[in-house]
Protein backbone atom coordinates (compact mmCIF):
# COMPACT_ATOMS: atom_id res chain seq x y z
CA UNK A 1 63.80 -101.31 -8.61
CA UNK A 2 64.15 -103.28 -4.97
CA UNK A 3 66.40 -104.65 -2.75
CA UNK A 4 66.91 -107.65 -4.39
CA UNK A 5 70.84 -107.97 -3.87
CA UNK A 6 73.27 -107.83 -0.84
CA UNK A 7 76.97 -106.61 -1.63
CA UNK A 8 80.43 -105.92 0.19
CA UNK A 9 81.27 -102.59 1.32
CA UNK A 10 84.46 -100.99 2.34
CA UNK A 11 82.77 -97.98 4.53
CA UNK A 12 85.75 -96.51 5.97
CA UNK A 13 89.81 -97.49 5.87
CA UNK A 14 89.70 -100.50 7.68
CA UNK A 15 86.10 -101.82 8.11
CA UNK A 16 83.48 -103.03 6.28
CA UNK A 17 79.56 -103.82 6.09
CA UNK A 18 77.21 -105.96 4.47
CA UNK A 19 74.61 -103.99 2.15
CA UNK A 20 71.44 -104.59 0.46
CA UNK A 21 71.41 -103.24 -2.93
CA UNK A 22 68.64 -102.78 -5.99
CA UNK A 23 68.71 -104.61 -8.60
CA UNK A 24 67.03 -103.86 -11.95
CA UNK A 25 65.94 -106.62 -14.57
CA UNK A 26 67.75 -107.34 -17.57
CA UNK A 27 67.95 -105.47 -20.47
CA UNK A 28 68.08 -107.29 -24.11
CA UNK A 29 71.98 -107.43 -24.39
CA UNK A 30 71.78 -108.02 -20.44
CA UNK A 31 72.88 -111.06 -17.82
CA UNK A 32 71.44 -111.65 -13.98
CA UNK A 33 74.11 -113.74 -12.56
CA UNK A 34 73.74 -115.61 -9.34
CA UNK A 35 76.85 -115.44 -7.20
CA UNK A 36 78.51 -118.92 -6.79
CA UNK A 37 81.94 -117.84 -5.39
CA UNK A 38 84.20 -115.15 -5.39
CA UNK A 39 88.13 -114.78 -4.46
CA UNK A 40 89.92 -111.95 -1.84
CA UNK A 41 92.95 -110.89 -3.92
CA UNK A 42 94.94 -110.15 -1.02
CA UNK A 43 97.32 -108.06 -2.10
CA UNK A 44 95.73 -105.72 -3.77
CA UNK A 45 92.12 -105.63 -2.22
CA UNK A 46 93.60 -105.64 1.31
CA UNK A 47 95.56 -102.52 0.18
CA UNK A 48 92.14 -101.15 -0.99
CA UNK A 49 90.92 -102.10 2.72
CA UNK A 50 93.22 -100.30 3.98
CA UNK A 51 93.08 -97.67 2.50
CA UNK A 52 96.44 -97.26 0.94
CA UNK A 53 95.50 -96.83 -2.84
CA UNK A 54 97.69 -92.90 -3.46
CA UNK A 55 95.25 -90.38 -5.10
CA UNK A 56 97.55 -90.17 -7.96
CA UNK A 57 96.21 -93.53 -8.62
CA UNK A 58 92.52 -93.67 -8.06
CA UNK A 59 91.69 -93.49 -11.40
CA UNK A 60 94.39 -96.40 -13.00
CA UNK A 61 93.01 -99.05 -9.54
CA UNK A 62 89.26 -98.79 -10.48
CA UNK A 63 87.63 -102.03 -10.61
CA UNK A 64 85.46 -102.52 -14.11
CA UNK A 65 82.17 -102.75 -11.57
CA UNK A 66 83.18 -100.74 -8.82
CA UNK A 67 80.59 -98.41 -7.25
CA UNK A 68 81.75 -95.40 -4.67
CA UNK A 69 85.31 -93.72 -4.41
CA UNK A 70 88.29 -94.47 -2.52
CA UNK A 71 89.23 -94.33 -0.08
CA UNK A 72 85.53 -94.83 0.50
CA UNK A 73 82.81 -95.93 0.79
CA UNK A 74 83.48 -98.25 -2.01
CA UNK A 75 82.30 -101.29 -3.12
CA UNK A 76 85.39 -103.26 -4.89
CA UNK A 77 86.61 -106.91 -6.19
CA UNK A 78 87.22 -108.84 -9.28
CA UNK A 79 86.61 -112.68 -8.63
CA UNK A 80 83.73 -113.40 -8.74
CA UNK A 81 82.31 -117.22 -10.88
CA UNK A 82 78.22 -117.05 -10.99
CA UNK A 83 75.30 -118.89 -12.58
CA UNK A 84 73.53 -116.45 -15.29
CA UNK A 85 69.66 -116.85 -14.10
CA UNK A 86 68.21 -114.77 -17.63
CA UNK A 87 69.86 -113.65 -20.00
CA UNK A 88 70.83 -114.75 -24.05
CA UNK A 89 69.42 -118.44 -24.06
CA UNK A 90 73.69 -119.46 -24.76
CA UNK A 91 74.31 -118.05 -21.75
CA UNK A 92 71.21 -119.26 -19.66
CA UNK A 93 72.67 -121.63 -17.09
CA UNK A 94 76.29 -121.38 -18.07
CA UNK A 95 78.84 -120.96 -15.18
CA UNK A 96 80.45 -117.21 -16.18
CA UNK A 97 83.89 -115.57 -14.70
CA UNK A 98 83.29 -111.94 -14.03
CA UNK A 99 85.63 -108.88 -12.85
CA UNK A 100 82.66 -107.81 -10.39
CA UNK A 101 82.96 -107.17 -6.65
CA UNK A 102 80.93 -109.14 -3.86
CA UNK A 103 78.03 -109.39 -4.25
CA UNK A 104 75.34 -112.19 -4.07
CA UNK A 105 73.69 -110.98 -7.66
CA UNK A 106 74.18 -108.82 -10.37
CA UNK A 107 73.20 -107.42 -14.07
CA UNK A 108 76.01 -106.98 -16.44
CA UNK A 109 76.44 -106.82 -19.90
CA UNK A 110 76.53 -110.34 -21.18
CA UNK A 111 79.98 -108.89 -22.92
CA UNK A 112 81.23 -108.60 -19.42
CA UNK A 113 81.13 -112.42 -18.30
CA UNK A 114 83.51 -115.20 -19.59
CA UNK A 115 81.87 -118.63 -19.82
CA UNK A 116 84.19 -121.60 -17.70
CA UNK A 117 85.23 -124.47 -19.29
CA UNK A 118 83.15 -127.56 -18.63
CA UNK A 119 86.81 -129.19 -17.28
CA UNK A 120 87.84 -126.35 -14.83
CA UNK A 121 85.80 -126.58 -11.50
CA UNK A 122 83.88 -123.54 -10.28
CA UNK A 123 85.28 -123.46 -7.44
CA UNK A 124 89.05 -123.45 -8.48
CA UNK A 125 88.03 -120.49 -11.55
CA UNK A 126 87.96 -117.89 -9.02
CA UNK A 127 90.91 -117.68 -9.98
CA UNK A 128 91.16 -117.04 -13.30
CA UNK A 129 92.39 -113.43 -12.68
CA UNK A 130 95.34 -113.98 -10.52
CA UNK A 131 96.38 -116.25 -13.64
CA UNK A 132 95.66 -113.73 -16.22
CA UNK A 133 97.86 -111.25 -14.35
CA UNK A 134 100.88 -114.24 -14.78
CA UNK A 135 99.96 -114.80 -18.38
CA UNK A 136 100.48 -111.53 -18.80
CA UNK A 137 103.38 -111.13 -16.52
CA UNK A 138 105.19 -114.13 -18.83
CA UNK A 139 104.25 -112.29 -22.17
CA UNK A 140 106.62 -109.45 -20.88
CA UNK A 141 109.26 -111.87 -19.30
CA UNK A 142 109.41 -113.57 -22.04
CA UNK A 143 111.25 -116.26 -20.12
CA UNK A 144 113.38 -118.62 -22.74
CA UNK A 145 113.87 -122.57 -23.16
CA UNK A 146 116.51 -123.78 -20.16
CA UNK A 147 115.93 -120.39 -18.03
CA UNK A 148 116.84 -120.12 -15.02
CA UNK A 149 114.80 -118.67 -13.07
CA UNK A 150 113.51 -117.11 -9.46
CA UNK A 151 110.09 -116.40 -8.55
CA UNK A 152 110.65 -114.06 -5.45
CA UNK A 153 107.52 -113.85 -3.26
CA UNK A 154 105.08 -116.57 -2.25
CA UNK A 155 101.75 -114.93 -2.69
CA UNK A 156 98.63 -114.95 -4.71
CA UNK A 157 99.91 -114.13 -8.36
CA UNK A 158 104.13 -114.45 -7.68
CA UNK A 159 102.83 -118.74 -7.22
CA UNK A 160 100.39 -118.76 -10.36
CA UNK A 161 103.89 -117.12 -12.35
CA UNK A 162 105.14 -120.40 -10.27
CA UNK A 163 103.04 -123.01 -12.09
CA UNK A 164 103.17 -121.36 -14.98
CA UNK A 165 107.06 -121.19 -15.80
CA UNK A 166 107.42 -125.06 -14.29
CA UNK A 167 105.45 -126.28 -17.95
CA UNK A 168 107.96 -124.15 -19.92
CA UNK A 169 110.33 -126.51 -20.82
CA UNK A 170 114.09 -127.26 -19.56
CA UNK A 171 113.02 -124.04 -17.15
CA UNK A 172 114.63 -124.33 -13.75
CA UNK A 173 112.51 -122.66 -11.47
CA UNK A 174 112.99 -121.90 -7.49
CA UNK A 175 109.91 -120.42 -5.69
CA UNK A 176 111.93 -117.66 -2.70
CA UNK A 177 109.03 -116.78 0.70
CA UNK A 178 110.59 -115.96 4.09
CA UNK A 179 107.27 -117.89 5.03
CA UNK A 180 109.12 -121.51 4.86
CA UNK A 181 105.08 -122.46 5.18
CA UNK A 182 105.05 -121.69 0.81
CA UNK A 183 107.76 -125.07 0.68
CA UNK A 184 104.59 -127.07 0.61
CA UNK A 185 102.99 -124.64 -1.87
CA UNK A 186 105.38 -124.63 -3.57
CA UNK A 187 105.82 -128.77 -3.78
CA UNK A 188 101.98 -128.96 -5.13
CA UNK A 189 102.58 -126.39 -7.91
CA UNK A 190 106.14 -128.68 -8.93
CA UNK A 191 108.84 -125.87 -8.47
CA UNK A 192 111.54 -126.04 -5.97
CA UNK A 193 111.69 -123.45 -3.16
CA UNK A 194 114.13 -120.98 -1.50
CA UNK A 195 114.17 -118.87 1.32
CA UNK A 196 115.34 -115.37 0.18
CA UNK A 197 119.25 -116.50 2.14
CA UNK A 198 119.31 -119.66 0.61
CA UNK A 199 118.27 -118.74 -3.02
CA UNK A 200 119.85 -119.66 -5.89
CA UNK A 201 121.87 -117.21 -7.47
CA UNK A 202 122.95 -116.71 -11.02
CA UNK A 203 119.49 -115.93 -12.47
CA UNK A 204 118.63 -115.28 -16.12
CA UNK A 205 115.30 -113.88 -14.53
CA UNK A 206 113.66 -112.93 -11.46
CA UNK A 207 109.28 -111.77 -10.93
CA UNK A 208 110.02 -110.33 -8.27
CA UNK A 209 106.20 -110.24 -6.21
CA UNK A 210 106.59 -110.01 -2.89
CA UNK A 211 105.67 -106.26 -2.15
CA UNK A 212 108.30 -105.52 -0.18
CA UNK A 213 111.72 -103.05 -0.69
CA UNK A 214 113.63 -106.19 0.67
CA UNK A 215 112.63 -108.67 -1.93
CA UNK A 216 113.29 -106.36 -4.59
CA UNK A 217 117.12 -105.79 -3.55
CA UNK A 218 117.73 -109.78 -3.27
CA UNK A 219 116.00 -110.30 -6.64
CA UNK A 220 118.75 -107.82 -8.28
CA UNK A 221 120.81 -109.51 -6.16
CA UNK A 222 120.00 -113.29 -7.57
CA UNK A 223 120.49 -112.52 -11.70
CA UNK A 224 122.87 -113.08 -13.14
CA UNK A 225 125.02 -110.56 -15.58
CA UNK A 226 122.50 -108.81 -18.10
CA UNK A 227 119.19 -110.19 -16.07
CA UNK A 228 116.05 -108.76 -15.79
CA UNK A 229 113.69 -108.81 -12.98
CA UNK A 230 109.80 -108.51 -13.99
CA UNK A 231 108.44 -106.52 -11.21
CA UNK A 232 104.61 -107.08 -10.17
CA UNK A 233 104.71 -105.74 -6.77
CA UNK A 234 102.07 -102.53 -6.15
CA UNK A 235 102.86 -100.66 -3.41
CA UNK A 236 100.28 -98.44 -2.89
CA UNK A 237 101.48 -95.22 -0.85
CA UNK A 238 104.57 -96.52 -0.23
CA UNK A 239 108.29 -95.38 -1.28
CA UNK A 240 111.18 -98.22 -1.99
CA UNK A 241 114.51 -97.63 -2.22
CA UNK A 242 117.00 -99.22 -4.09
CA UNK A 243 120.26 -100.57 -4.29
CA UNK A 244 121.06 -99.14 -8.02
CA UNK A 245 125.01 -98.22 -6.97
CA UNK A 246 127.13 -101.15 -6.74
CA UNK A 247 127.13 -103.54 -9.60
CA UNK A 248 124.02 -102.71 -11.11
CA UNK A 249 125.64 -100.90 -13.39
CA UNK A 250 128.70 -102.89 -14.16
CA UNK A 251 126.35 -106.13 -14.47
CA UNK A 252 123.63 -104.29 -16.95
CA UNK A 253 120.82 -104.88 -15.14
CA UNK A 254 117.73 -104.36 -16.33
CA UNK A 255 113.97 -103.91 -13.86
CA UNK A 256 110.85 -103.32 -15.79
CA UNK A 257 106.76 -103.11 -14.66
CA UNK A 258 104.34 -105.48 -15.58
CA UNK A 259 100.50 -104.59 -14.62
CA UNK A 260 97.58 -106.46 -15.83
CA UNK A 261 95.65 -102.80 -17.12
CA UNK A 262 97.33 -103.20 -20.66
CA UNK A 263 97.65 -106.55 -22.69
CA UNK A 264 101.17 -106.96 -22.71
CA UNK A 265 102.83 -105.36 -25.95
CA UNK A 266 104.47 -108.51 -26.59
CA UNK A 267 101.56 -109.64 -27.59
CA UNK A 268 99.26 -106.99 -28.70
CA UNK A 269 97.21 -108.98 -31.46
CA UNK A 270 96.06 -110.49 -28.59
CA UNK A 271 92.76 -109.05 -26.97
CA UNK A 272 91.65 -108.83 -22.74
CA UNK A 273 88.58 -111.57 -23.93
CA UNK A 274 91.55 -113.46 -25.40
CA UNK A 275 94.66 -113.79 -22.58
CA UNK A 276 91.04 -114.41 -19.90
CA UNK A 277 90.26 -117.41 -21.40
CA UNK A 278 93.66 -118.90 -21.73
CA UNK A 279 93.79 -118.17 -18.09
CA UNK A 280 90.50 -119.58 -18.17
CA UNK A 281 92.03 -122.81 -20.19
CA UNK A 282 94.99 -123.10 -18.06
CA UNK A 283 92.75 -123.86 -14.93
CA UNK A 284 91.85 -127.26 -15.83
CA UNK A 285 95.25 -128.22 -13.83
CA UNK A 286 94.37 -129.40 -9.79
CA UNK A 287 98.00 -128.41 -8.80
CA UNK A 288 96.07 -125.25 -8.57
CA UNK A 289 93.71 -125.74 -6.05
CA UNK A 290 97.14 -125.54 -4.13
CA UNK A 291 96.58 -121.53 -4.42
CA UNK A 292 93.39 -121.47 -2.38
CA UNK A 293 94.35 -121.49 1.08
CA UNK A 294 91.06 -120.38 3.02
CA UNK A 295 87.02 -120.08 2.87
CA UNK A 296 84.34 -118.32 4.56
CA UNK A 297 80.68 -117.07 3.87
CA UNK A 298 79.65 -114.13 2.38
CA UNK A 299 77.78 -112.70 5.19
CA UNK A 300 81.44 -112.98 7.48
CA UNK A 301 83.24 -110.59 5.07
CA UNK A 302 82.68 -107.61 7.69
CA UNK A 303 84.74 -109.97 10.11
CA UNK A 304 87.44 -111.74 7.64
CA UNK A 305 88.70 -109.24 5.32
CA UNK A 306 90.19 -106.81 8.72
CA UNK A 307 91.60 -109.83 9.87
CA UNK A 308 92.92 -110.59 5.87
CA UNK A 309 94.30 -107.31 6.04
CA UNK A 310 95.86 -107.38 9.04
CA UNK A 311 97.19 -111.27 8.71
CA UNK A 312 95.42 -112.88 11.07
CA UNK A 313 93.95 -115.36 8.59
CA UNK A 314 97.14 -115.75 6.33
CA UNK A 315 95.83 -116.35 2.56
CA UNK A 316 96.84 -116.66 -0.76
CA UNK A 317 93.93 -116.43 -2.40
CA UNK A 318 90.71 -116.79 0.47
CA UNK A 319 87.69 -117.81 -1.15
CA UNK A 320 84.44 -116.35 -0.72
CA UNK A 321 80.80 -118.90 -1.05
CA UNK A 322 77.50 -117.82 -1.25
CA UNK A 323 74.06 -119.43 0.05
CA UNK A 324 72.32 -121.18 -2.76
CA UNK A 325 69.11 -118.77 -2.08
CA UNK A 326 71.31 -115.85 -2.29
C-alpha cells in the first residue's frame, strides 16, 4: 500500500480539500482506472457539500464508493469517466463510466465499470448518471404519444428529461425555469421555453425538478384535470408546503415520486446495468453537450465546490478534468 492517488474530500460542511489516498494493486476481477473526467451534479452534490443530508437519509444517500459519513469528512461523487490501465484483457485500455467520487485513480471490481460506446465522447459521458436518472423518471412517468408536457426546473436533471422527451412522437415539451438563461439550453435541446408566469397550462404531465416549493406548487397549477406531477426534486432537510386544498381533489391530480436508486417498477424486467447502458447509448446525441456548462481542473475543486454551492458559478453539469500524469 502506498499513496498513489489524490481524492477530493468534504472535510466539514462548506469546506473541502484534496488528500492523498492509498491504492492496492488490482486483483483478478478488479480494474485500475485513471480518471479523465468527473462531473459535479450540482443539486445533490451541493446539498452534500453544505451538510444538508437529513440523518434519516444517511444510509439511502450513500454513493456506491463513498468513504466516510455525512456530514463529513466524506468522499462523495458518482460521475466518473476514466481509462482502464490494468485489468481483464477485454477492458484494458477502454474508456469506462463508474459511479466513483472525484479521484485521480481508483481500483474497483470490474463489474462496477461500464464501457462507454465508441460514438460517445468521453467528455460527454460524464452525463451518464444524470441521463440514467432521466430514463428512470420517464419509465415512471410513462408519457404517451401526443401528451402536453412541462418540465419545471431547467437544471441538470430537468434538462436531461426535456432532452429525452423531445424525441417522443407528437409530445409537446416546454421547459419552465425562472432563469431566462435556460432558454438557450432549451433551444439547444429542441424544446420550448417559458418562465413560470408564462408557462402553458392544461398539461397532461409535469415533471418537477426545480427543488423549490414554488416550483412544485406551480407544477400542480399547470396540470389538466386528471394530470400528474412526477417529482424528481430532492429537498434534503427542508420541509415543503403544498396547496392541496382548492381544486387539487376536484381535478383529481396526482403527485408521485421518482428516484434513481431503484429501477422503475414499470421496467422491473430491466437491471441497473441495462438502464445505464441505455443512458450511455442515448449520449450519442451531441445536443446533450448543452448540459455541460462549466469546467475546471481537479486541483481547483476546493475552491470550485463552495462557488457552486453558493451559486457564484452557475452550472448544470460542471465537468472536472484530470491531468494525464495523475
